[in-house]
C-alpha atoms as a PDB file:
ATOM      1  CA  MET A   1     -18.841   2.813  -3.992  1.00  0.00           C
ATOM      2  CA  THR A   2     -17.318   5.774  -2.171  1.00  0.00           C
ATOM      3  CA  LYS A   3     -13.989   6.720  -3.688  1.00  0.00           C
ATOM      4  CA  ILE A   4     -10.992   6.406  -1.379  1.00  0.00           C
ATOM      5  CA  THR A   5      -8.738   9.456  -1.032  1.00  0.00           C
ATOM      6  CA  LEU A   6      -5.031   9.084  -1.780  1.00  0.00           C
ATOM      7  CA  GLY A   7      -2.277  11.644  -1.785  1.00  0.00           C
ATOM      8  CA  ILE A   8      -0.211  11.825  -4.963  1.00  0.00           C
ATOM      9  CA  SER A   9       2.705  13.716  -6.428  1.00  0.00           C
ATOM     10  CA  SER A  10       0.980  16.371  -8.512  1.00  0.00           C
ATOM     11  CA  CYS A  11       2.960  15.781 -11.717  1.00  0.00           C
ATOM     12  CA  LEU A  12       1.591  12.220 -11.933  1.00  0.00           C
ATOM     13  CA  LEU A  13      -1.887  13.600 -12.606  1.00  0.00           C
ATOM     14  CA  GLY A  14      -0.602  15.571 -15.583  1.00  0.00           C
ATOM     15  CA  ASN A  15      -0.152  18.859 -13.744  1.00  0.00           C
ATOM     16  CA  GLU A  16       2.722  20.807 -15.268  1.00  0.00           C
ATOM     17  CA  VAL A  17       4.762  21.359 -12.136  1.00  0.00           C
ATOM     18  CA  ARG A  18       8.055  19.680 -13.054  1.00  0.00           C
ATOM     19  CA  HIS A  19      11.253  21.703 -12.938  1.00  0.00           C
ATOM     20  CA  ASP A  20      11.229  21.886 -16.761  1.00  0.00           C
ATOM     21  CA  GLY A  21       7.576  22.944 -16.952  1.00  0.00           C
ATOM     22  CA  GLY A  22       6.382  19.487 -17.983  1.00  0.00           C
ATOM     23  CA  HIS A  23       4.536  16.679 -16.218  1.00  0.00           C
ATOM     24  CA  ASN A  24       4.789  12.924 -15.606  1.00  0.00           C
ATOM     25  CA  ARG A  25       1.191  11.876 -16.167  1.00  0.00           C
ATOM     26  CA  ASN A  26       0.764   8.234 -15.212  1.00  0.00           C
ATOM     27  CA  VAL A  27      -1.869   6.616 -17.433  1.00  0.00           C
ATOM     28  CA  TYR A  28      -2.610   3.744 -15.038  1.00  0.00           C
ATOM     29  CA  VAL A  29      -3.264   6.221 -12.244  1.00  0.00           C
ATOM     30  CA  THR A  30      -5.403   8.615 -14.260  1.00  0.00           C
ATOM     31  CA  SER A  31      -7.286   6.066 -16.366  1.00  0.00           C
ATOM     32  CA  THR A  32      -7.722   3.058 -14.061  1.00  0.00           C
ATOM     33  CA  LEU A  33      -7.134   3.928 -10.422  1.00  0.00           C
ATOM     34  CA  SER A  34      -9.076   7.175 -10.765  1.00  0.00           C
ATOM     35  CA  GLU A  35     -12.255   5.100 -11.121  1.00  0.00           C
ATOM     36  CA  TYR A  36     -11.875   4.032  -7.480  1.00  0.00           C
ATOM     37  CA  PHE A  37      -9.730   6.711  -5.867  1.00  0.00           C
ATOM     38  CA  ASN A  38      -9.862  10.458  -5.407  1.00  0.00           C
ATOM     39  CA  PHE A  39      -6.400  11.979  -5.686  1.00  0.00           C
ATOM     40  CA  ARG A  40      -5.230  14.925  -3.611  1.00  0.00           C
ATOM     41  CA  PRO A  41      -2.179  16.367  -5.393  1.00  0.00           C
ATOM     42  CA  TYR A  42       0.925  17.747  -3.726  1.00  0.00           C
ATOM     43  CA  CYS A  43       4.077  19.242  -5.226  1.00  0.00           C
ATOM     44  CA  PRO A  44       6.435  19.970  -2.329  1.00  0.00           C
ATOM     45  CA  GLU A  45       8.857  21.944  -4.495  1.00  0.00           C
ATOM     46  CA  VAL A  46       6.179  24.324  -5.739  1.00  0.00           C
ATOM     47  CA  ALA A  47       4.737  24.466  -2.223  1.00  0.00           C
ATOM     48  CA  ILE A  48       7.980  25.894  -0.802  1.00  0.00           C
ATOM     49  CA  GLY A  49       7.965  28.664  -3.387  1.00  0.00           C
ATOM     50  CA  LEU A  50      10.023  27.292  -6.257  1.00  0.00           C
ATOM     51  CA  GLY A  51       8.707  28.369  -9.623  1.00  0.00           C
ATOM     52  CA  VAL A  52       7.847  26.501 -12.813  1.00  0.00           C
ATOM     53  CA  PRO A  53      10.186  26.119 -14.596  1.00  0.00           C
ATOM     54  CA  ARG A  54      12.975  26.205 -11.996  1.00  0.00           C
ATOM     55  CA  PRO A  55      16.606  25.170 -11.554  1.00  0.00           C
ATOM     56  CA  THR A  56      17.012  21.519 -10.613  1.00  0.00           C
ATOM     57  CA  ILE A  57      17.662  20.499  -7.033  1.00  0.00           C
ATOM     58  CA  ARG A  58      19.288  17.426  -5.520  1.00  0.00           C
ATOM     59  CA  LEU A  59      20.102  15.619  -2.299  1.00  0.00           C
ATOM     60  CA  THR A  60      23.611  16.234  -0.983  1.00  0.00           C
ATOM     61  CA  ARG A  61      25.419  14.461   1.833  1.00  0.00           C
ATOM     62  CA  SER A  62      27.374  16.788   4.103  1.00  0.00           C
ATOM     63  CA  ASP A  63      28.747  16.854   7.629  1.00  0.00           C
ATOM     64  CA  GLY A  64      25.385  18.237   8.693  1.00  0.00           C
ATOM     65  CA  GLY A  65      23.498  15.276   7.237  1.00  0.00           C
ATOM     66  CA  ILE A  66      21.361  15.093   4.107  1.00  0.00           C
ATOM     67  CA  ARG A  67      20.654  18.480   2.559  1.00  0.00           C
ATOM     68  CA  LEU A  68      18.380  19.591  -0.287  1.00  0.00           C
ATOM     69  CA  THR A  69      20.432  21.913  -2.453  1.00  0.00           C
ATOM     70  CA  GLY A  70      20.583  23.388  -5.912  1.00  0.00           C
ATOM     71  CA  SER A  71      22.149  21.070  -8.473  1.00  0.00           C
ATOM     72  CA  ASP A  72      24.327  23.819  -9.932  1.00  0.00           C
ATOM     73  CA  ASN A  73      24.263  26.085  -6.902  1.00  0.00           C
ATOM     74  CA  THR A  74      25.038  24.044  -3.803  1.00  0.00           C
ATOM     75  CA  GLY A  75      24.949  27.256  -1.822  1.00  0.00           C
ATOM     76  CA  LEU A  76      21.168  27.195  -2.285  1.00  0.00           C
ATOM     77  CA  ASP A  77      19.986  25.134   0.696  1.00  0.00           C
ATOM     78  CA  LEU A  78      16.266  24.377   0.797  1.00  0.00           C
ATOM     79  CA  THR A  79      16.389  21.735   3.531  1.00  0.00           C
ATOM     80  CA  ASP A  80      14.793  23.788   6.290  1.00  0.00           C
ATOM     81  CA  ASP A  81      12.103  25.097   3.935  1.00  0.00           C
ATOM     82  CA  MET A  82      11.182  21.574   2.832  1.00  0.00           C
ATOM     83  CA  ASN A  83      11.221  20.173   6.356  1.00  0.00           C
ATOM     84  CA  SER A  84       9.093  23.035   7.661  1.00  0.00           C
ATOM     85  CA  TRP A  85       6.521  22.672   4.881  1.00  0.00           C
ATOM     86  CA  SER A  86       6.402  18.890   5.295  1.00  0.00           C
ATOM     87  CA  THR A  87       5.753  19.157   9.028  1.00  0.00           C
ATOM     88  CA  GLY A  88       2.836  21.520   8.481  1.00  0.00           C
ATOM     89  CA  ALA A  89       1.389  19.717   5.468  1.00  0.00           C
ATOM     90  CA  LEU A  90       1.424  16.317   7.147  1.00  0.00           C
ATOM     91  CA  VAL A  91      -1.115  17.532   9.696  1.00  0.00           C
ATOM     92  CA  GLY A  92      -3.672  17.764   6.896  1.00  0.00           C
ATOM     93  CA  MET A  93      -2.835  14.336   5.466  1.00  0.00           C
ATOM     94  CA  ARG A  94      -4.052  12.220   8.384  1.00  0.00           C
ATOM     95  CA  ASP A  95      -7.259  11.348   6.546  1.00  0.00           C
ATOM     96  CA  LEU A  96      -5.453   9.903   3.510  1.00  0.00           C
ATOM     97  CA  SER A  97      -5.646   6.162   2.879  1.00  0.00           C
ATOM     98  CA  GLY A  98      -2.398   5.963   0.933  1.00  0.00           C
ATOM     99  CA  PHE A  99       0.086   7.939  -1.143  1.00  0.00           C
ATOM    100  CA  ILE A 100       1.620   7.524  -4.616  1.00  0.00           C
ATOM    101  CA  LEU A 101       4.981   9.243  -5.010  1.00  0.00           C
ATOM    102  CA  LYS A 102       7.099  10.262  -8.010  1.00  0.00           C
ATOM    103  CA  ASN A 103      10.214   8.146  -8.195  1.00  0.00           C
ATOM    104  CA  ASN A 104      13.747   9.583  -8.335  1.00  0.00           C
ATOM    105  CA  SER A 105      12.562  12.928  -6.971  1.00  0.00           C
ATOM    106  CA  PRO A 106      14.717  14.679  -4.324  1.00  0.00           C
ATOM    107  CA  SER A 107      11.490  15.653  -2.585  1.00  0.00           C
ATOM    108  CA  CYS A 108       9.121  12.740  -3.349  1.00  0.00           C
ATOM    109  CA  GLY A 109      11.331   9.732  -4.124  1.00  0.00           C
ATOM    110  CA  MET A 110      10.564   6.783  -1.839  1.00  0.00           C
ATOM    111  CA  GLU A 111      13.877   4.980  -2.332  1.00  0.00           C
ATOM    112  CA  ARG A 112      17.038   4.848  -4.473  1.00  0.00           C
ATOM    113  CA  VAL A 113      17.100   8.609  -5.050  1.00  0.00           C
ATOM    114  CA  ARG A 114      20.440  10.009  -6.234  1.00  0.00           C
ATOM    115  CA  LEU A 115      22.419  11.265  -3.254  1.00  0.00           C
ATOM    116  CA  TYR A 116      25.577  13.246  -4.016  1.00  0.00           C
ATOM    117  CA  ASP A 117      28.680  13.331  -1.850  1.00  0.00           C
ATOM    118  CA  ALA A 118      30.938  16.331  -1.303  1.00  0.00           C
ATOM    119  CA  ASN A 119      32.822  15.544  -4.516  1.00  0.00           C
ATOM    120  CA  GLY A 120      29.639  15.393  -6.588  1.00  0.00           C
ATOM    121  CA  ALA A 121      29.651  11.603  -6.949  1.00  0.00           C
ATOM    122  CA  PRO A 122      26.140  10.094  -6.791  1.00  0.00           C
ATOM    123  CA  SER A 123      24.930   6.981  -5.014  1.00  0.00           C
ATOM    124  CA  ARG A 124      21.456   5.441  -5.149  1.00  0.00           C
ATOM    125  CA  ASP A 125      20.602   5.325  -1.463  1.00  0.00           C
ATOM    126  CA  GLY A 126      18.693   8.555  -0.915  1.00  0.00           C
ATOM    127  CA  ILE A 127      15.084   9.211   0.079  1.00  0.00           C
ATOM    128  CA  GLY A 128      13.245  12.377  -0.922  1.00  0.00           C
ATOM    129  CA  LEU A 129      12.893  14.763   2.015  1.00  0.00           C
ATOM    130  CA  PHE A 130       9.109  14.944   1.902  1.00  0.00           C
ATOM    131  CA  ALA A 131       8.760  11.198   1.290  1.00  0.00           C
ATOM    132  CA  ASP A 132      10.983  10.498   4.279  1.00  0.00           C
ATOM    133  CA  ALA A 133       8.959  12.832   6.507  1.00  0.00           C
ATOM    134  CA  LEU A 134       5.713  11.206   5.314  1.00  0.00           C
ATOM    135  CA  MET A 135       6.867   7.662   6.038  1.00  0.00           C
ATOM    136  CA  GLN A 136       8.356   8.633   9.396  1.00  0.00           C
ATOM    137  CA  ALA A 137       5.206  10.458  10.529  1.00  0.00           C
ATOM    138  CA  MET A 138       2.760   7.779   9.325  1.00  0.00           C
ATOM    139  CA  PRO A 139       4.645   4.467   9.116  1.00  0.00           C
ATOM    140  CA  TRP A 140       1.376   2.545   8.774  1.00  0.00           C
ATOM    141  CA  LEU A 141       0.283   4.456   5.646  1.00  0.00           C
ATOM    142  CA  PRO A 142       0.384   2.536   2.330  1.00  0.00           C
ATOM    143  CA  VAL A 143       3.002   4.357   0.247  1.00  0.00           C
ATOM    144  CA  GLU A 144       4.256   3.398  -3.202  1.00  0.00           C
ATOM    145  CA  GLU A 145       6.190   4.896  -6.100  1.00  0.00           C
ATOM    146  CA  GLU A 146       4.523   5.204  -9.480  1.00  0.00           C
ATOM    147  CA  GLY A 147       7.306   3.302 -11.240  1.00  0.00           C
ATOM    148  CA  ARG A 148       6.858   0.281  -8.968  1.00  0.00           C
ATOM    149  CA  LEU A 149       3.165   0.156  -9.878  1.00  0.00           C
ATOM    150  CA  ASN A 150       4.285  -1.290 -13.224  1.00  0.00           C
ATOM    151  CA  ASP A 151       5.071  -4.511 -11.343  1.00  0.00           C
ATOM    152  CA  ALA A 152       1.836  -6.536 -11.112  1.00  0.00           C
ATOM    153  CA  MET A 153       2.672  -7.984  -7.685  1.00  0.00           C
ATOM    154  CA  LEU A 154       3.662  -4.631  -6.198  1.00  0.00           C
ATOM    155  CA  ARG A 155       0.566  -3.030  -7.704  1.00  0.00           C
ATOM    156  CA  GLU A 156      -1.697  -5.635  -6.112  1.00  0.00           C
ATOM    157  CA  ASN A 157       0.175  -5.340  -2.830  1.00  0.00           C
ATOM    158  CA  PHE A 158      -0.305  -1.574  -2.713  1.00  0.00           C
ATOM    159  CA  VAL A 159      -4.015  -1.685  -3.527  1.00  0.00           C
ATOM    160  CA  GLN A 160      -4.483  -4.500  -1.013  1.00  0.00           C
ATOM    161  CA  ARG A 161      -2.866  -2.359   1.675  1.00  0.00           C
ATOM    162  CA  VAL A 162      -4.940   0.679   0.748  1.00  0.00           C
ATOM    163  CA  PHE A 163      -8.262  -1.143   0.989  1.00  0.00           C
ATOM    164  CA  SER A 164      -7.248  -2.855   4.240  1.00  0.00           C
ATOM    165  CA  TYR A 165      -6.222   0.452   5.785  1.00  0.00           C
ATOM    166  CA  TYR A 166      -9.378   2.138   4.501  1.00  0.00           C
ATOM    167  CA  ARG A 167     -11.470  -0.517   6.241  1.00  0.00           C
ATOM    168  CA  TRP A 168      -9.504   0.229   9.405  1.00  0.00           C
ATOM    169  CA  GLN A 169     -10.246   3.929   9.036  1.00  0.00           C
ATOM    170  CA  GLN A 170     -13.940   3.214   8.546  1.00  0.00           C
ATOM    171  CA  MET A 171     -13.978   1.012  11.638  1.00  0.00           C
ATOM    172  CA  THR A 172     -12.259   3.552  13.874  1.00  0.00           C
ATOM    173  CA  GLN A 173     -14.536   6.396  12.780  1.00  0.00           C
ATOM    174  CA  LYS A 174     -17.433   4.559  14.406  1.00  0.00           C
ATOM    175  CA  PRO A 175     -17.684   3.998  18.160  1.00  0.00           C
ATOM    176  CA  PHE A 176     -14.584   1.840  18.606  1.00  0.00           C
ATOM    177  CA  SER A 177     -14.857  -1.321  20.684  1.00  0.00           C
ATOM    178  CA  ILE A 178     -12.973  -4.476  21.567  1.00  0.00           C
ATOM    179  CA  SER A 179     -15.432  -6.553  19.562  1.00  0.00           C
ATOM    180  CA  ALA A 180     -14.872  -4.355  16.489  1.00  0.00           C
ATOM    181  CA  LEU A 181     -11.112  -4.910  16.725  1.00  0.00           C
ATOM    182  CA  MET A 182     -11.575  -8.653  17.144  1.00  0.00           C
ATOM    183  CA  GLU A 183     -13.921  -8.832  14.160  1.00  0.00           C
ATOM    184  CA  PHE A 184     -11.530  -6.805  12.007  1.00  0.00           C
ATOM    185  CA  HIS A 185      -8.704  -9.210  12.823  1.00  0.00           C
ATOM    186  CA  GLN A 186     -10.856 -12.261  12.161  1.00  0.00           C
ATOM    187  CA  ARG A 187     -12.109 -10.999   8.793  1.00  0.00           C
ATOM    188  CA  HIS A 188      -8.574 -10.249   7.580  1.00  0.00           C
ATOM    189  CA  LYS A 189      -7.159 -13.616   8.645  1.00  0.00           C
ATOM    190  CA  PHE A 190      -6.774 -15.155   5.188  1.00  0.00           C
ATOM    191  CA  ILE A 191      -5.381 -11.946   3.680  1.00  0.00           C
ATOM    192  CA  LEU A 192      -2.732 -11.709   6.392  1.00  0.00           C
ATOM    193  CA  LEU A 193      -1.821 -15.389   6.053  1.00  0.00           C
ATOM    194  CA  THR A 194      -0.988 -14.925   2.367  1.00  0.00           C
ATOM    195  CA  HIS A 195       1.557 -12.232   3.267  1.00  0.00           C
ATOM    196  CA  ASP A 196       3.382 -13.379   6.404  1.00  0.00           C
ATOM    197  CA  GLU A 197       2.081 -16.236   8.538  1.00  0.00           C
ATOM    198  CA  GLU A 198       4.591 -15.622  11.327  1.00  0.00           C
ATOM    199  CA  GLU A 199       3.543 -11.976  11.630  1.00  0.00           C
ATOM    200  CA  TYR A 200      -0.110 -13.026  11.600  1.00  0.00           C
ATOM    201  CA  ARG A 201       0.547 -15.415  14.495  1.00  0.00           C
ATOM    202  CA  GLN A 202       1.920 -12.482  16.506  1.00  0.00           C
ATOM    203  CA  LEU A 203      -1.185 -10.351  15.964  1.00  0.00           C
ATOM    204  CA  GLY A 204      -3.588 -12.700  17.744  1.00  0.00           C
ATOM    205  CA  PRO A 205      -1.819 -12.628  21.131  1.00  0.00           C
ATOM    206  CA  MET A 206      -1.437  -8.867  20.758  1.00  0.00           C
ATOM    207  CA  ILE A 207      -5.196  -8.332  20.914  1.00  0.00           C
ATOM    208  CA  ALA A 208      -6.042 -11.289  23.159  1.00  0.00           C
ATOM    209  CA  GLY A 209      -5.449  -9.285  26.327  1.00  0.00           C
ATOM    210  CA  VAL A 210      -7.053  -6.048  25.178  1.00  0.00           C
ATOM    211  CA  THR A 211      -9.195  -4.160  27.702  1.00  0.00           C
ATOM    212  CA  LYS A 212     -11.229  -0.965  27.595  1.00  0.00           C
ATOM    213  CA  GLU A 213      -8.352   0.781  29.333  1.00  0.00           C
ATOM    214  CA  ASN A 214      -5.654  -0.183  26.817  1.00  0.00           C
ATOM    215  CA  LEU A 215      -7.811  -0.500  23.685  1.00  0.00           C
ATOM    216  CA  GLN A 216      -6.363   2.521  21.877  1.00  0.00           C
ATOM    217  CA  GLN A 217      -2.788   1.601  22.745  1.00  0.00           C
ATOM    218  CA  VAL A 218      -3.279  -1.977  21.538  1.00  0.00           C
ATOM    219  CA  ALA A 219      -5.086  -0.795  18.400  1.00  0.00           C
ATOM    220  CA  ASP A 220      -2.236   1.566  17.475  1.00  0.00           C
ATOM    221  CA  ALA A 221       0.326  -1.214  17.900  1.00  0.00           C
ATOM    222  CA  TYR A 222      -1.888  -3.666  15.996  1.00  0.00           C
ATOM    223  CA  LEU A 223      -2.317  -1.295  13.056  1.00  0.00           C
ATOM    224  CA  LEU A 224       1.410  -0.772  12.626  1.00  0.00           C
ATOM    225  CA  ARG A 225       2.152  -4.483  12.818  1.00  0.00           C
ATOM    226  CA  MET A 226      -0.720  -5.401  10.502  1.00  0.00           C
ATOM    227  CA  MET A 227       0.409  -2.928   7.850  1.00  0.00           C
ATOM    228  CA  THR A 228       3.978  -4.199   8.185  1.00  0.00           C
ATOM    229  CA  CYS A 229       2.675  -7.728   7.625  1.00  0.00           C
ATOM    230  CA  LEU A 230       0.820  -6.635   4.494  1.00  0.00           C
ATOM    231  CA  LYS A 231       3.988  -5.103   3.028  1.00  0.00           C
ATOM    232  CA  ALA A 232       5.450  -8.590   2.649  1.00  0.00           C
ATOM    233  CA  ARG A 233       4.802  -9.993  -0.806  1.00  0.00           C
ATOM    234  CA  ALA A 234       2.087 -12.614  -0.956  1.00  0.00           C
ATOM    235  CA  SER A 235       3.327 -15.845  -2.540  1.00  0.00           C
ATOM    236  CA  ARG A 236       1.746 -18.644  -4.566  1.00  0.00           C
ATOM    237  CA  LYS A 237       2.613 -21.058  -1.779  1.00  0.00           C
ATOM    238  CA  ARG A 238       0.830 -19.016   0.887  1.00  0.00           C
ATOM    239  CA  HIS A 239      -2.162 -18.344  -1.387  1.00  0.00           C
ATOM    240  CA  SER A 240      -2.339 -22.081  -2.068  1.00  0.00           C
ATOM    241  CA  ASN A 241      -2.317 -22.828   1.658  1.00  0.00           C
ATOM    242  CA  VAL A 242      -5.189 -20.402   2.231  1.00  0.00           C
ATOM    243  CA  LEU A 243      -7.168 -21.797  -0.687  1.00  0.00           C
ATOM    244  CA  MET A 244      -6.724 -25.283   0.748  1.00  0.00           C
ATOM    245  CA  GLN A 245      -8.281 -23.981   3.970  1.00  0.00           C
ATOM    246  CA  VAL A 246     -11.203 -22.579   1.984  1.00  0.00           C
ATOM    247  CA  MET A 247     -11.558 -25.914   0.229  1.00  0.00           C
ATOM    248  CA  GLY A 248     -11.751 -27.561   3.640  1.00  0.00           C
ATOM    249  CA  PHE A 249     -15.088 -25.833   4.204  1.00  0.00           C
ATOM    250  CA  LEU A 250     -16.377 -27.340   0.953  1.00  0.00           C
ATOM    251  CA  LYS A 251     -14.975 -30.868   1.021  1.00  0.00           C
ATOM    252  CA  ASN A 252     -18.029 -32.442   2.651  1.00  0.00           C
ATOM    253  CA  LYS A 253     -20.453 -30.578   0.388  1.00  0.00           C
ATOM    254  CA  ILE A 254     -19.108 -30.966  -3.138  1.00  0.00           C
ATOM    255  CA  ASN A 255     -18.952 -34.264  -5.033  1.00  0.00           C
ATOM    256  CA  SER A 256     -15.769 -36.159  -5.833  1.00  0.00           C
ATOM    257  CA  ASN A 257     -15.520 -34.794  -9.385  1.00  0.00           C
ATOM    258  CA  ASP A 258     -15.784 -31.195  -8.196  1.00  0.00           C
ATOM    259  CA  LYS A 259     -13.271 -31.902  -5.451  1.00  0.00           C
ATOM    260  CA  GLN A 260     -10.804 -33.347  -7.947  1.00  0.00           C
ATOM    261  CA  GLU A 261     -11.268 -30.361 -10.238  1.00  0.00           C
ATOM    262  CA  LEU A 262     -10.474 -27.998  -7.353  1.00  0.00           C
ATOM    263  CA  ILE A 263      -7.381 -29.991  -6.404  1.00  0.00           C
ATOM    264  CA  GLU A 264      -6.120 -29.912  -9.997  1.00  0.00           C
ATOM    265  CA  MET A 265      -6.838 -26.192 -10.300  1.00  0.00           C
ATOM    266  CA  LEU A 266      -4.947 -25.460  -7.087  1.00  0.00           C
ATOM    267  CA  ASP A 267      -2.032 -27.505  -8.381  1.00  0.00           C
ATOM    268  CA  ASN A 268      -2.087 -25.536 -11.638  1.00  0.00           C
ATOM    269  CA  TYR A 269      -2.025 -22.287  -9.680  1.00  0.00           C
ATOM    270  CA  ARG A 270       0.700 -23.443  -7.285  1.00  0.00           C
ATOM    271  CA  ASN A 271       2.911 -24.347 -10.244  1.00  0.00           C
ATOM    272  CA  GLY A 272       2.343 -21.069 -12.070  1.00  0.00           C
ATOM    273  CA  ARG A 273       0.177 -22.381 -14.896  1.00  0.00           C
ATOM    274  CA  VAL A 274      -2.853 -20.193 -14.138  1.00  0.00           C
ATOM    275  CA  PRO A 275      -3.313 -16.852 -12.323  1.00  0.00           C
ATOM    276  CA  LEU A 276      -4.909 -16.530  -8.893  1.00  0.00           C
ATOM    277  CA  ILE A 277      -8.258 -15.412 -10.286  1.00  0.00           C
ATOM    278  CA  VAL A 278      -8.847 -18.904 -11.754  1.00  0.00           C
ATOM    279  CA  PRO A 279      -9.003 -20.933  -8.502  1.00  0.00           C
ATOM    280  CA  ILE A 280     -10.687 -18.004  -6.734  1.00  0.00           C
ATOM    281  CA  THR A 281     -13.447 -17.948  -9.358  1.00  0.00           C
ATOM    282  CA  LEU A 282     -13.967 -21.692  -9.065  1.00  0.00           C
ATOM    283  CA  MET A 283     -14.124 -21.429  -5.263  1.00  0.00           C
ATOM    284  CA  ARG A 284     -16.710 -18.660  -5.520  1.00  0.00           C
ATOM    285  CA  HIS A 285     -18.798 -20.813  -7.836  1.00  0.00           C
ATOM    286  CA  HIS A 286     -19.005 -23.580  -5.246  1.00  0.00           C
ATOM    287  CA  LEU A 287     -19.559 -21.115  -2.398  1.00  0.00           C
ATOM    288  CA  ARG A 288     -22.579 -19.703  -4.215  1.00  0.00           C
ATOM    289  CA  ARG A 289     -24.020 -23.216  -4.261  1.00  0.00           C
ATOM    290  CA  TYR A 290     -22.945 -24.007  -0.702  1.00  0.00           C
ATOM    291  CA  PRO A 291     -22.684 -20.717   1.195  1.00  0.00           C
ATOM    292  CA  ASP A 292     -20.515 -20.602   4.290  1.00  0.00           C
ATOM    293  CA  GLU A 293     -20.897 -17.731   6.733  1.00  0.00           C
ATOM    294  CA  TYR A 294     -17.282 -17.813   7.906  1.00  0.00           C
ATOM    295  CA  ILE A 295     -15.772 -17.839   4.410  1.00  0.00           C
ATOM    296  CA  SER A 296     -18.202 -15.139   3.284  1.00  0.00           C
ATOM    297  CA  SER A 297     -16.933 -12.937   6.114  1.00  0.00           C
ATOM    298  CA  GLN A 298     -13.340 -13.167   4.876  1.00  0.00           C
ATOM    299  CA  TYR A 299     -12.217 -10.125   2.884  1.00  0.00           C
ATOM    300  CA  TYR A 300      -9.782 -12.425   1.096  1.00  0.00           C
ATOM    301  CA  MET A 301     -12.507 -13.620  -1.240  1.00  0.00           C
ATOM    302  CA  SER A 302     -13.176 -10.072  -2.466  1.00  0.00           C
ATOM    303  CA  PRO A 303     -10.588  -7.639  -1.063  1.00  0.00           C
ATOM    304  CA  TYR A 304     -11.058  -4.871  -3.662  1.00  0.00           C
ATOM    305  CA  PRO A 305     -13.147  -4.242  -6.803  1.00  0.00           C
ATOM    306  CA  GLU A 306     -12.878  -7.143  -9.238  1.00  0.00           C
ATOM    307  CA  GLU A 307     -12.714  -4.665 -12.129  1.00  0.00           C
ATOM    308  CA  LEU A 308      -9.162  -3.726 -11.131  1.00  0.00           C
ATOM    309  CA  MET A 309      -8.170  -7.225 -12.353  1.00  0.00           C
ATOM    310  CA  LEU A 310      -5.278  -7.387  -9.897  1.00  0.00           C
ATOM    311  CA  ARG A 311      -5.548 -11.154  -9.485  1.00  0.00           C
ATOM    312  CA  ASN A 312      -5.428 -11.795 -13.222  1.00  0.00           C
ATOM    313  CA  ALA A 313      -1.653 -11.494 -13.529  1.00  0.00           C
ATOM    314  CA  GLY A 314      -0.314 -13.925 -10.946  1.00  0.00           C
END
């Protein structure tokens, strides 16, 4: 398969660009995700001319807003430099399918970055300047911090969003049409239902009145809302509801013993006794025997490479 391109904080690949001359190589990124993704590294602090090693910097709250200053030399203000670089660099990031950021960084931290007040007291409500610019400029882009990838559910959520957005990018690179948008929505139905059913119900009416004249406008609004929907954590309850719908396509084809086995397996999953991959695998077994065109069209049954084992944990 073609590798998908993600942006990443350079230190996470093992590049020695930290302020102390070290790195923060993330083994999961470099050993597992690298099999499926190409990584384009960025170090905003090096990009604005700071050396390696270099004095530490931090976010400071002042009357003028949030500033990026030296930790020991608050007279060193790098805010304008960082904002200017971010604005220019973001132009070349439009082709990315996602971004993995270094946590706690005053430039790359996605959330809970230390933010110091005028007295030097820190709070945990800052966002790195580059990370903030990235998420403001491309609010639909899948963005995650490397530390949060240690959480199995957040890891699956991020990869799910990346592959969904990549499929969107592939679709819009071809001659874009109303039928393509409709098909995209239909094929992602079960995925969206596992994240936020209410949001999914809003997406249908959004595209129902699409015309050639407003296609791009509707598509832009759809993309943002779809990616917002996918940010919501999928739950066992919603997965179980979707799997019951899949089972509905099989109920008149499989025998009573197989049906009972599926019901028991879904109950085991719903109650946390087995991971999602178990009922999914059993469903696939029956669908190989009794193929269904509609279910086969649903990305839910195979949303990303099985080798990532993202459905094995929950």
